[in-house]
Amino acid sequence: MGENETVDYHPMWAELGLDLEKHDCLLEAVGELYGSAYLGQRNRPAGMAHALGFTLEELASAALTARDGVAVSSMCTVFAESEVTGLVHRGEDRGRIARGLHEAIAKRTLASLGRVGARGPLVFAGGVANNLAMVDLVRVGFEGEVIVPESAQTVGALGAALCVAEDRR
């Protein structure tokens, strides 16, 4: 699938019994947040880790231990990787670059949360919730409690399954 192609998951969700009307209402309510905080960031951590010569775990660790971050202005994955490569070639500390990447993503995420009027408690779920540097930066910047569930990477799927089970009753 090409980078700009989208997949219509509605047929699959309908087959699973998901209430598409509720789904569409939810997506309408959080559409801006979903679009800018999730879709705009997909594959970014892995790509940035690779560009810096880190694993994902090493990227988060380096970001946590750096005192401050290098400003990263590009939000597009392609341009950000190019910017990171340039910073590395100029001799910038990789940990500071990692911190700057995390700060840029957190800043954008927090701005989106602010635009939709999000208030705590905030449940931080999904794979990125396993990134301790990202969780730390969101906790510092969010005005309210940030909760990271034990199974952060799978709570969305579990919640969807519970909704389907409840709707089938």
Protein backbone atom coordinates (compact mmCIF):
# COMPACT_ATOMS: atom_id res chain seq x y z
CA MET A 1 0.00 0.00 0.00
CA GLY A 2 1.32 3.47 -0.89
CA GLU A 3 1.97 6.11 1.73
CA ASN A 4 -1.02 8.26 0.76
CA GLU A 5 -3.48 5.39 0.35
CA THR A 6 -6.05 4.73 3.04
CA VAL A 7 -7.86 1.55 3.92
CA ASP A 8 -11.61 1.48 4.53
CA TYR A 9 -12.00 -0.69 7.61
CA HIS A 10 -15.78 -0.22 7.79
CA PRO A 11 -16.64 -3.58 6.16
CA MET A 12 -14.38 -5.45 8.59
CA TRP A 13 -15.75 -3.53 11.60
CA ALA A 14 -19.33 -4.13 10.47
CA GLU A 15 -18.60 -7.85 10.10
CA LEU A 16 -17.24 -7.86 13.67
CA GLY A 17 -20.45 -6.26 14.87
CA LEU A 18 -19.07 -2.81 15.66
CA ASP A 19 -21.71 -0.10 15.75
CA LEU A 20 -20.46 2.01 12.86
CA GLU A 21 -22.70 4.93 13.79
CA LYS A 22 -21.11 5.10 17.26
CA HIS A 23 -17.68 4.66 15.71
CA ASP A 24 -18.24 7.49 13.25
CA CYS A 25 -19.58 9.76 16.04
CA LEU A 26 -16.48 9.02 18.10
CA LEU A 27 -14.18 9.60 15.14
CA GLU A 28 -15.94 12.89 14.43
CA ALA A 29 -15.44 13.98 18.04
CA VAL A 30 -11.76 13.03 18.16
CA GLY A 31 -11.00 13.24 14.45
CA GLU A 32 -8.55 16.11 14.68
CA LEU A 33 -6.76 14.53 17.61
CA TYR A 34 -6.69 11.11 15.93
CA GLY A 35 -5.48 12.54 12.67
CA SER A 36 -2.73 14.74 14.03
CA ALA A 37 -1.59 12.77 17.04
CA TYR A 38 -1.80 9.25 15.68
CA LEU A 39 -1.82 9.15 11.91
CA GLY A 40 0.71 11.96 11.65
CA GLN A 41 3.13 10.03 13.85
CA ARG A 42 2.83 6.46 12.59
CA ASN A 43 6.18 4.82 11.95
CA ARG A 44 7.94 7.92 13.18
CA PRO A 45 9.53 6.46 16.32
CA ALA A 46 10.91 3.42 14.50
CA GLY A 47 12.20 5.52 11.61
CA MET A 48 13.83 8.03 13.94
CA ALA A 49 15.39 5.30 16.07
CA HIS A 50 16.89 3.78 12.93
CA ALA A 51 18.16 7.15 11.72
CA LEU A 52 19.97 7.61 15.05
CA GLY A 53 21.27 4.03 15.21
CA PHE A 54 19.06 3.15 18.20
CA THR A 55 16.44 0.53 18.91
CA LEU A 56 13.09 1.92 20.06
CA GLU A 57 14.02 1.16 23.68
CA GLU A 58 17.39 2.86 23.29
CA LEU A 59 15.72 5.89 21.70
CA ALA A 60 13.43 6.35 24.72
CA SER A 61 16.29 5.76 27.15
CA ALA A 62 18.53 8.29 25.39
CA ALA A 63 15.71 10.84 25.42
CA LEU A 64 15.13 10.31 29.15
CA THR A 65 18.79 10.76 30.06
CA ALA A 66 19.45 13.84 27.91
CA ARG A 67 19.32 17.12 29.85
CA ASP A 68 17.75 18.99 26.97
CA GLY A 69 16.66 18.39 23.41
CA VAL A 70 17.78 19.73 20.08
CA ALA A 71 14.96 21.60 18.34
CA VAL A 72 13.42 19.47 15.59
CA SER A 73 11.03 21.42 13.41
CA SER A 74 9.99 18.89 10.77
CA MET A 75 6.80 16.95 11.51
CA CYS A 76 6.78 14.97 8.28
CA THR A 77 8.62 11.68 8.78
CA VAL A 78 10.64 12.05 5.56
CA PHE A 79 11.78 15.60 6.35
CA ALA A 80 12.36 14.79 10.04
CA GLU A 81 14.62 11.87 9.13
CA SER A 82 16.53 14.17 6.81
CA GLU A 83 16.78 16.78 9.58
CA VAL A 84 17.99 14.13 12.05
CA THR A 85 20.60 12.90 9.60
CA GLY A 86 21.82 16.48 9.20
CA LEU A 87 22.02 16.95 12.97
CA VAL A 88 24.01 13.73 13.35
CA HIS A 89 26.42 14.79 10.58
CA ARG A 90 26.91 18.15 12.32
CA GLY A 91 27.98 16.29 15.45
CA GLU A 92 24.93 16.87 17.65
CA ASP A 93 24.61 14.46 20.55
CA ARG A 94 22.27 11.58 19.58
CA GLY A 95 20.64 11.64 23.02
CA ARG A 96 19.79 15.33 22.65
CA ILE A 97 18.37 14.63 19.20
CA ALA A 98 16.27 11.79 20.63
CA ARG A 99 15.03 14.13 23.36
CA GLY A 100 14.21 16.80 20.76
CA LEU A 101 12.19 14.31 18.70
CA HIS A 102 10.21 13.25 21.76
CA GLU A 103 9.63 16.88 22.76
CA ALA A 104 8.37 17.73 19.25
CA ILE A 105 5.89 14.83 19.23
CA ALA A 106 4.74 15.55 22.79
CA LYS A 107 4.27 19.25 22.01
CA ARG A 108 2.14 18.45 18.98
CA THR A 109 0.11 15.86 20.88
CA LEU A 110 -0.48 18.21 23.81
CA ALA A 111 -1.54 21.00 21.44
CA SER A 112 -4.08 18.66 19.84
CA LEU A 113 -5.38 17.62 23.27
CA GLY A 114 -5.73 21.29 24.16
CA ARG A 115 -7.64 22.08 20.94
CA VAL A 116 -10.24 19.42 21.70
CA GLY A 117 -10.51 20.52 25.34
CA ALA A 118 -9.18 17.28 26.83
CA ARG A 119 -9.20 17.18 30.61
CA GLY A 120 -7.82 14.55 32.97
CA PRO A 121 -7.79 11.80 33.63
CA LEU A 122 -6.21 10.90 30.31
CA VAL A 123 -5.67 7.25 29.47
CA PHE A 124 -2.46 6.93 27.50
CA ALA A 125 -2.83 3.76 25.44
CA GLY A 126 -1.28 2.17 22.39
CA GLY A 127 2.26 1.15 21.66
CA VAL A 128 3.73 4.58 22.31
CA ALA A 129 2.53 4.29 25.93
CA ASN A 130 5.40 1.82 26.34
CA ASN A 131 7.82 4.66 25.60
CA LEU A 132 8.72 6.03 29.04
CA ALA A 133 10.18 9.25 27.63
CA MET A 134 6.96 10.05 25.77
CA VAL A 135 4.83 9.22 28.81
CA ASP A 136 7.02 11.45 30.98
CA LEU A 137 6.79 14.41 28.58
CA VAL A 138 3.01 14.06 28.22
CA ARG A 139 2.59 13.82 32.00
CA VAL A 140 4.66 16.97 32.50
CA GLY A 141 2.74 18.92 29.85
CA PHE A 142 -0.83 17.71 30.47
CA GLU A 143 -2.98 19.49 33.01
CA GLY A 144 -4.46 16.46 34.71
CA GLU A 145 -3.75 12.88 35.59
CA VAL A 146 -2.23 10.65 32.89
CA ILE A 147 -2.94 6.95 33.36
CA VAL A 148 -0.98 4.25 31.55
CA PRO A 149 -2.82 0.91 31.74
CA GLU A 150 -0.88 -2.26 32.41
CA SER A 151 -1.69 -3.57 28.93
CA ALA A 152 -1.36 -0.20 27.20
CA GLN A 153 -0.66 -1.67 23.79
CA THR A 154 -3.80 -3.80 23.70
CA VAL A 155 -6.44 -1.84 25.64
CA GLY A 156 -7.95 -0.39 22.46
CA ALA A 157 -8.51 -3.84 20.99
CA LEU A 158 -9.84 -5.12 24.31
CA GLY A 159 -12.22 -2.17 24.56
CA ALA A 160 -13.47 -2.75 21.02
CA ALA A 161 -14.04 -6.43 21.80
CA LEU A 162 -15.98 -5.52 24.95
CA CYS A 163 -18.15 -3.08 22.97
CA VAL A 164 -18.91 -5.76 20.38
CA ALA A 165 -19.74 -8.29 23.12
CA GLU A 166 -22.02 -5.79 24.86
CA ASP A 167 -23.79 -4.85 21.63
CA ARG A 168 -24.46 -8.53 20.88
CA ARG A 169 -26.30 -9.04 24.17
